[in-house]
N, C-alpha and C. Protein backbone atom coordinates (compact mmCIF):
# COMPACT_ATOMS: atom_id res chain seq x y z
N UNK A 1 -62.34 -89.21 -2.63
CA UNK A 1 -61.04 -89.35 -1.94
C UNK A 1 -60.24 -88.70 -1.59
N UNK A 2 -59.20 -89.44 -1.04
CA UNK A 2 -57.87 -87.70 -0.42
C UNK A 2 -57.73 -87.17 -1.33
N UNK A 3 -57.37 -85.66 -0.90
CA UNK A 3 -56.08 -85.10 -1.42
C UNK A 3 -54.98 -85.57 -1.63
N UNK A 4 -54.60 -85.67 -2.75
CA UNK A 4 -53.05 -85.86 -3.41
C UNK A 4 -52.26 -85.26 -3.08
N UNK A 5 -50.53 -85.58 -3.35
CA UNK A 5 -49.54 -84.83 -3.18
C UNK A 5 -49.23 -83.66 -3.69
N UNK A 6 -48.65 -82.89 -2.68
CA UNK A 6 -48.46 -81.68 -3.71
C UNK A 6 -47.60 -81.89 -4.98
N UNK A 7 -47.55 -81.23 -5.70
CA UNK A 7 -46.97 -81.67 -7.06
C UNK A 7 -45.46 -80.94 -6.80
N UNK A 8 -43.98 -81.30 -7.68
CA UNK A 8 -43.27 -80.68 -7.91
C UNK A 8 -43.51 -79.16 -7.86
N UNK A 9 -42.43 -78.07 -7.59
CA UNK A 9 -42.31 -76.74 -8.06
C UNK A 9 -42.13 -77.16 -9.46
N UNK A 10 -42.72 -75.55 -10.15
CA UNK A 10 -42.58 -75.28 -11.36
C UNK A 10 -40.97 -74.65 -11.85
N UNK A 11 -40.90 -74.63 -12.98
CA UNK A 11 -39.92 -73.39 -13.22
C UNK A 11 -40.07 -71.86 -12.99
N UNK A 12 -38.96 -71.31 -12.77
CA UNK A 12 -39.20 -69.98 -12.69
C UNK A 12 -39.71 -69.46 -13.80
N UNK A 13 -40.55 -68.24 -13.11
CA UNK A 13 -41.24 -67.29 -14.59
C UNK A 13 -40.52 -66.46 -15.22
N UNK A 14 -41.03 -65.72 -16.25
CA UNK A 14 -39.48 -64.16 -17.13
C UNK A 14 -39.96 -63.28 -15.90
N UNK A 15 -38.76 -62.97 -15.96
CA UNK A 15 -39.04 -61.56 -14.97
C UNK A 15 -40.50 -60.41 -15.65
N UNK A 16 -40.59 -59.46 -15.02
CA UNK A 16 -42.30 -58.90 -15.00
C UNK A 16 -41.28 -57.62 -15.66
N UNK A 17 -42.15 -56.55 -16.07
CA UNK A 17 -42.14 -55.68 -16.27
C UNK A 17 -41.26 -54.63 -15.65
N UNK A 18 -40.06 -53.77 -15.65
CA UNK A 18 -40.02 -52.34 -14.48
C UNK A 18 -41.09 -51.67 -14.26
N UNK A 19 -41.10 -51.23 -12.65
CA UNK A 19 -42.26 -50.97 -12.10
C UNK A 19 -41.96 -49.46 -12.15
N UNK A 20 -43.20 -48.47 -11.85
CA UNK A 20 -43.15 -47.05 -11.91
C UNK A 20 -41.82 -46.39 -11.03
N UNK A 21 -41.19 -45.74 -11.18
CA UNK A 21 -40.57 -44.43 -10.70
C UNK A 21 -40.80 -44.44 -9.04
N UNK A 22 -39.51 -44.25 -8.04
CA UNK A 22 -40.52 -43.86 -6.77
C UNK A 22 -40.79 -42.48 -6.65
N UNK A 23 -41.10 -41.89 -5.65
CA UNK A 23 -40.60 -40.85 -4.87
C UNK A 23 -39.19 -40.50 -4.67
N UNK A 24 -38.94 -39.10 -4.46
CA UNK A 24 -38.16 -38.50 -4.71
C UNK A 24 -37.77 -38.73 -2.69
N UNK A 25 -36.43 -38.78 -2.48
CA UNK A 25 -36.78 -38.90 -1.21
C UNK A 25 -35.94 -37.71 -0.79
N UNK A 26 -36.18 -37.47 0.78
CA UNK A 26 -35.87 -36.08 1.79
C UNK A 26 -34.79 -35.49 1.21
N UNK A 27 -34.42 -34.35 1.58
CA UNK A 27 -33.21 -33.74 1.50
C UNK A 27 -32.26 -33.93 2.60
N UNK A 28 -31.22 -34.62 2.58
CA UNK A 28 -30.08 -34.79 3.49
C UNK A 28 -29.80 -33.72 4.19
N UNK A 29 -29.06 -33.95 4.82
CA UNK A 29 -28.36 -32.71 6.51
C UNK A 29 -27.37 -31.98 5.77
N UNK A 30 -27.40 -30.81 5.93
CA UNK A 30 -26.07 -30.11 5.45
C UNK A 30 -24.79 -30.79 5.49
N UNK A 31 -23.57 -30.71 5.01
CA UNK A 31 -22.59 -31.25 5.32
C UNK A 31 -21.67 -29.93 6.50
N UNK A 32 -20.76 -30.75 6.55
CA UNK A 32 -19.36 -30.04 7.48
C UNK A 32 -19.04 -28.80 6.45
N UNK A 33 -18.71 -27.49 7.12
CA UNK A 33 -17.78 -26.52 6.50
C UNK A 33 -16.79 -27.14 6.52
N UNK A 34 -15.90 -26.35 5.43
CA UNK A 34 -14.86 -26.91 4.32
C UNK A 34 -13.45 -26.09 5.03
N UNK A 35 -12.35 -26.49 4.66
CA UNK A 35 -11.26 -25.87 4.99
C UNK A 35 -11.00 -24.46 4.55
N UNK A 36 -10.38 -23.56 5.45
CA UNK A 36 -10.45 -21.94 4.93
C UNK A 36 -9.10 -22.17 3.73
N UNK A 37 -9.33 -21.39 2.53
CA UNK A 37 -8.48 -21.56 1.31
C UNK A 37 -7.74 -20.98 2.10
N UNK A 38 -6.58 -20.86 0.72
CA UNK A 38 -5.45 -20.35 0.94
C UNK A 38 -5.26 -18.63 0.83
N UNK A 39 -4.39 -18.19 1.41
CA UNK A 39 -4.65 -16.69 1.18
C UNK A 39 -4.38 -15.91 -0.19
N UNK A 40 -4.95 -14.86 -0.53
CA UNK A 40 -4.69 -14.45 -2.11
C UNK A 40 -3.92 -13.72 -2.14
N UNK A 41 -3.13 -13.68 -3.35
CA UNK A 41 -1.96 -12.61 -3.94
C UNK A 41 -2.49 -11.08 -3.20
N UNK A 42 -0.82 -10.63 -2.77
CA UNK A 42 -1.04 -9.28 -2.63
C UNK A 42 -1.45 -8.20 -3.80
N UNK A 43 -2.13 -6.47 -2.99
CA UNK A 43 -2.69 -6.43 -3.91
C UNK A 43 -1.53 -5.34 -5.12
N UNK A 44 -2.28 -4.70 -5.66
CA UNK A 44 -1.28 -3.89 -6.27
C UNK A 44 -0.69 -2.57 -5.20
N UNK A 45 0.47 -1.93 -4.90
CA UNK A 45 0.56 -0.74 -4.81
C UNK A 45 -0.13 -0.18 -5.07
N UNK A 46 -0.97 0.66 -3.78
CA UNK A 46 -1.86 2.08 -4.24
C UNK A 46 -0.85 3.24 -4.83
N UNK A 47 -1.42 4.58 -4.90
CA UNK A 47 -1.56 5.59 -5.97
C UNK A 47 -0.47 6.43 -4.27
N UNK A 48 0.64 7.10 -4.85
CA UNK A 48 1.26 8.00 -4.25
C UNK A 48 0.62 8.96 -3.28
N UNK A 49 0.51 9.12 -2.23
CA UNK A 49 0.01 10.46 -1.92
C UNK A 49 -0.10 11.57 -1.84
N UNK A 50 -0.72 12.50 -1.60
CA UNK A 50 -0.18 13.83 -1.87
C UNK A 50 0.52 14.47 -1.12
N UNK A 51 1.37 15.33 -1.58
CA UNK A 51 2.50 15.90 -0.86
C UNK A 51 2.51 17.43 -1.49
N UNK A 52 2.51 17.98 0.35
CA UNK A 52 2.63 19.26 0.77
C UNK A 52 3.64 19.84 0.71
N UNK A 53 4.38 20.73 0.06
CA UNK A 53 5.58 21.64 0.01
C UNK A 53 4.89 22.97 0.23
N UNK A 54 5.77 23.31 0.71
CA UNK A 54 6.20 25.15 0.90
C UNK A 54 7.69 25.72 0.95
N UNK A 55 8.13 26.72 0.50
CA UNK A 55 9.21 27.31 0.45
C UNK A 55 8.93 28.34 1.73
N UNK A 56 10.33 28.73 1.58
CA UNK A 56 10.80 29.51 3.17
C UNK A 56 12.01 29.99 2.88
N UNK A 57 12.37 31.86 2.73
CA UNK A 57 13.83 32.28 2.35
C UNK A 57 13.91 33.31 3.67
N UNK A 58 14.93 33.34 3.53
CA UNK A 58 15.77 34.34 4.34
C UNK A 58 16.82 34.86 3.97
N UNK A 59 16.90 36.40 4.07
CA UNK A 59 18.16 37.47 3.67
C UNK A 59 18.56 37.74 4.60
N UNK A 60 20.51 37.92 4.45
CA UNK A 60 21.13 38.47 5.48
C UNK A 60 22.23 37.92 4.58
N UNK A 61 23.69 39.10 5.09
CA UNK A 61 25.01 39.14 5.12
C UNK A 61 25.51 37.90 5.42
N UNK A 62 26.94 37.63 5.22
CA UNK A 62 27.91 36.43 5.50
C UNK A 62 26.95 34.75 4.90
N UNK A 63 26.99 33.88 6.00
CA UNK A 63 26.29 32.58 6.34
C UNK A 63 25.02 32.70 7.18
N UNK A 64 23.81 32.42 5.50
CA UNK A 64 22.64 32.72 5.98
C UNK A 64 22.09 31.31 6.20
N UNK A 65 21.13 31.13 6.97
CA UNK A 65 20.30 29.58 7.15
C UNK A 65 18.66 30.03 7.63
N UNK A 66 18.05 28.94 6.51
CA UNK A 66 16.64 28.94 6.99
C UNK A 66 16.25 27.47 7.47
N UNK A 67 15.20 27.02 7.95
CA UNK A 67 14.55 25.75 8.66
C UNK A 67 13.44 25.75 8.20
N UNK A 68 13.20 24.60 7.71
CA UNK A 68 11.38 24.56 7.50
C UNK A 68 10.73 24.44 9.13
N UNK A 69 9.50 24.36 9.28
CA UNK A 69 8.45 24.38 10.23
C UNK A 69 9.01 23.30 11.21
N UNK A 70 8.99 23.42 12.44
CA UNK A 70 9.28 21.93 13.50
C UNK A 70 8.56 20.90 13.18
N UNK A 71 9.11 19.78 12.80
CA UNK A 71 8.97 18.50 12.38
C UNK A 71 8.47 18.06 10.64
N UNK A 72 8.85 18.98 10.12
CA UNK A 72 9.20 18.92 8.57
C UNK A 72 10.32 18.90 7.96
N UNK A 73 10.66 18.35 6.84
CA UNK A 73 11.55 18.28 6.25
C UNK A 73 11.71 18.73 5.03
N UNK A 74 13.29 18.98 4.58
CA UNK A 74 13.90 20.20 3.57
C UNK A 74 14.30 19.13 2.48
N UNK A 75 13.53 19.34 1.22
CA UNK A 75 13.67 18.27 0.14
C UNK A 75 14.53 19.36 -1.07
N UNK A 76 15.28 20.21 -0.66
CA UNK A 76 16.30 20.85 -2.07
C UNK A 76 16.06 22.32 -1.02
N UNK A 77 16.66 23.17 -1.92
CA UNK A 77 17.25 24.68 -1.76
C UNK A 77 18.23 25.49 -2.61
N UNK A 78 18.28 26.80 -2.71
CA UNK A 78 18.97 27.26 -2.79
C UNK A 78 19.52 28.73 -2.73
N UNK A 79 20.46 29.56 -2.83
CA UNK A 79 20.56 31.07 -2.72
C UNK A 79 20.99 31.62 -4.21
N UNK A 80 20.69 32.77 -3.60
CA UNK A 80 20.73 33.44 -4.85
C UNK A 80 21.20 35.51 -3.95
N UNK A 81 22.06 36.16 -4.92
CA UNK A 81 22.31 37.55 -4.98
C UNK A 81 21.63 38.72 -5.94
N UNK A 82 21.64 39.56 -5.48
CA UNK A 82 21.41 40.89 -6.76
C UNK A 82 22.81 41.64 -7.14
N UNK A 83 23.47 41.14 -6.55
CA UNK A 83 24.96 42.26 -6.55
C UNK A 83 25.92 41.07 -7.28
N UNK A 84 25.23 40.23 -8.37
CA UNK A 84 26.12 39.46 -8.84
C UNK A 84 27.67 38.91 -8.57
N UNK A 85 27.40 38.66 -6.87
CA UNK A 85 28.44 37.73 -5.99
C UNK A 85 28.35 35.83 -6.74
N UNK A 86 29.52 35.69 -6.63
CA UNK A 86 29.53 34.32 -6.64
C UNK A 86 29.19 33.50 -5.22
N UNK A 87 27.80 32.81 -6.09
CA UNK A 87 27.31 31.81 -4.51
C UNK A 87 28.58 30.91 -4.33
N UNK A 88 29.15 30.69 -3.11
CA UNK A 88 30.17 29.75 -2.87
C UNK A 88 29.84 29.05 -1.69
N UNK A 89 28.36 29.06 -0.93
CA UNK A 89 28.00 27.95 -0.44
C UNK A 89 26.57 27.72 -0.51
N UNK A 90 25.85 26.42 -0.78
CA UNK A 90 24.70 26.34 -0.80
C UNK A 90 24.22 24.54 -0.65
N UNK A 91 24.17 24.67 0.41
CA UNK A 91 23.97 23.44 0.99
C UNK A 91 22.62 23.18 2.40
N UNK A 92 22.62 21.72 2.22
CA UNK A 92 21.54 21.47 3.47
C UNK A 92 21.78 21.54 4.66
N UNK A 93 21.08 21.66 5.29
CA UNK A 93 21.38 22.27 7.08
C UNK A 93 20.30 20.65 7.97
N UNK A 94 21.50 20.55 9.08
CA UNK A 94 20.50 19.45 9.49
C UNK A 94 20.70 18.28 8.73
N UNK A 95 20.02 16.85 9.75
CA UNK A 95 19.98 15.96 9.04
C UNK A 95 21.40 15.13 9.17
N UNK A 96 20.74 13.70 9.10
CA UNK A 96 22.28 13.34 9.04
C UNK A 96 22.19 12.10 8.20
N UNK A 97 23.25 10.78 8.66
CA UNK A 97 22.76 9.57 6.89
C UNK A 97 21.68 8.60 6.77
N UNK A 98 21.37 9.19 7.92
CA UNK A 98 19.70 8.35 8.22
C UNK A 98 18.55 8.90 8.25
N UNK A 99 18.80 10.76 8.46
CA UNK A 99 17.62 11.49 8.73
C UNK A 99 18.03 12.52 7.45
N UNK A 100 16.57 12.93 7.15
CA UNK A 100 16.06 14.03 6.16
C UNK A 100 17.03 15.33 6.64
N UNK A 101 17.36 16.70 5.86
CA UNK A 101 17.92 17.95 6.33
C UNK A 101 16.50 18.69 6.89
N UNK A 102 16.90 19.36 7.88
CA UNK A 102 16.05 20.09 8.01
C UNK A 102 15.43 21.64 7.30
N UNK A 103 16.75 22.15 6.82
CA UNK A 103 17.07 23.37 6.39
C UNK A 103 18.49 23.89 5.92
N UNK A 104 18.42 25.06 5.13
CA UNK A 104 19.19 25.25 4.04
C UNK A 104 20.21 26.36 4.62
N UNK A 105 21.52 26.16 3.63
CA UNK A 105 22.46 27.41 4.06
C UNK A 105 22.94 27.94 2.53
N UNK A 106 23.20 28.86 3.11
CA UNK A 106 24.17 29.58 1.49
C UNK A 106 24.63 31.31 2.04
N UNK A 107 25.51 31.36 1.41
CA UNK A 107 26.85 32.66 1.27
C UNK A 107 27.35 32.43 -0.04
N UNK A 108 27.21 34.12 -0.23
CA UNK A 108 27.62 34.84 -1.50
C UNK A 108 28.70 35.51 -1.67
N UNK A 109 29.74 35.17 -2.33
CA UNK A 109 31.08 35.85 -2.32
C UNK A 109 32.22 35.86 -1.19
N UNK A 110 31.98 35.40 -0.09
CA UNK A 110 32.54 35.38 1.38
C UNK A 110 31.70 36.60 2.12
N UNK A 111 32.16 36.60 3.19
CA UNK A 111 31.77 37.71 4.24
C UNK A 111 31.38 38.95 3.75
N UNK A 112 29.94 39.56 4.44
CA UNK A 112 29.43 40.64 4.30
C UNK A 112 28.48 40.69 2.85
N UNK A 113 28.43 40.00 1.95
CA UNK A 113 27.91 39.62 1.35
C UNK A 113 26.17 39.55 1.14
N UNK A 114 25.26 40.14 0.88
CA UNK A 114 24.25 40.10 0.61
C UNK A 114 23.70 38.43 0.34
N UNK A 115 22.57 37.96 0.57
CA UNK A 115 22.33 37.16 0.46
C UNK A 115 21.34 36.12 0.78
N UNK A 116 19.91 35.68 -0.38
CA UNK A 116 18.97 35.20 -0.08
C UNK A 116 18.77 33.35 -0.16
N UNK A 117 18.34 32.91 1.37
CA UNK A 117 18.45 31.33 0.57
C UNK A 117 17.18 31.21 1.33
N UNK A 118 16.89 30.05 0.09
CA UNK A 118 15.35 29.69 -0.12
C UNK A 118 15.77 27.59 0.33
N UNK A 119 14.54 27.55 0.95
CA UNK A 119 14.45 26.02 1.43
C UNK A 119 13.31 25.30 0.88
N UNK A 120 13.16 24.37 0.58
CA UNK A 120 11.63 23.89 0.08
C UNK A 120 11.18 22.74 0.31
N UNK A 121 10.40 22.63 2.01
CA UNK A 121 10.08 21.78 2.92
C UNK A 121 8.87 20.88 2.07
N UNK A 122 8.49 19.89 3.08
CA UNK A 122 7.90 18.61 2.67
C UNK A 122 6.84 18.94 4.19
N UNK A 123 5.33 19.42 3.70
CA UNK A 123 4.79 19.30 5.25
C UNK A 123 4.50 18.02 6.23
N UNK A 124 5.16 17.27 7.33
CA UNK A 124 5.02 15.99 7.43
C UNK A 124 3.66 15.81 8.74
N UNK A 125 4.20 16.96 9.40
CA UNK A 125 3.03 17.08 10.36
C UNK A 125 1.67 18.21 10.58
């Protein structure tokens, strides 16, 4: 005879077991470059550089001056004599309120007495 009508759909079956893990995918494209980072802290101050000092002297009578080499500055000085006269002047020479002195002056006991004047200079050139 003739084929019969299709029967009603049956109930859904139970879930099947999990399948095996798939293969790893391809590596993605490289991302965009990030923003520049913040500026770092200031480093510690470096060690002081070397100081090159030298001494010059001049001997004479009355007010005696001695100067550093051109471009260098005086860092100190003094005066002496060998006749035990009082040193009545010992002072920086040159410079101003904003620039360093460039020499030294000295005088012992007034006019006519011998004096030796010393200047300590810092070599800048």
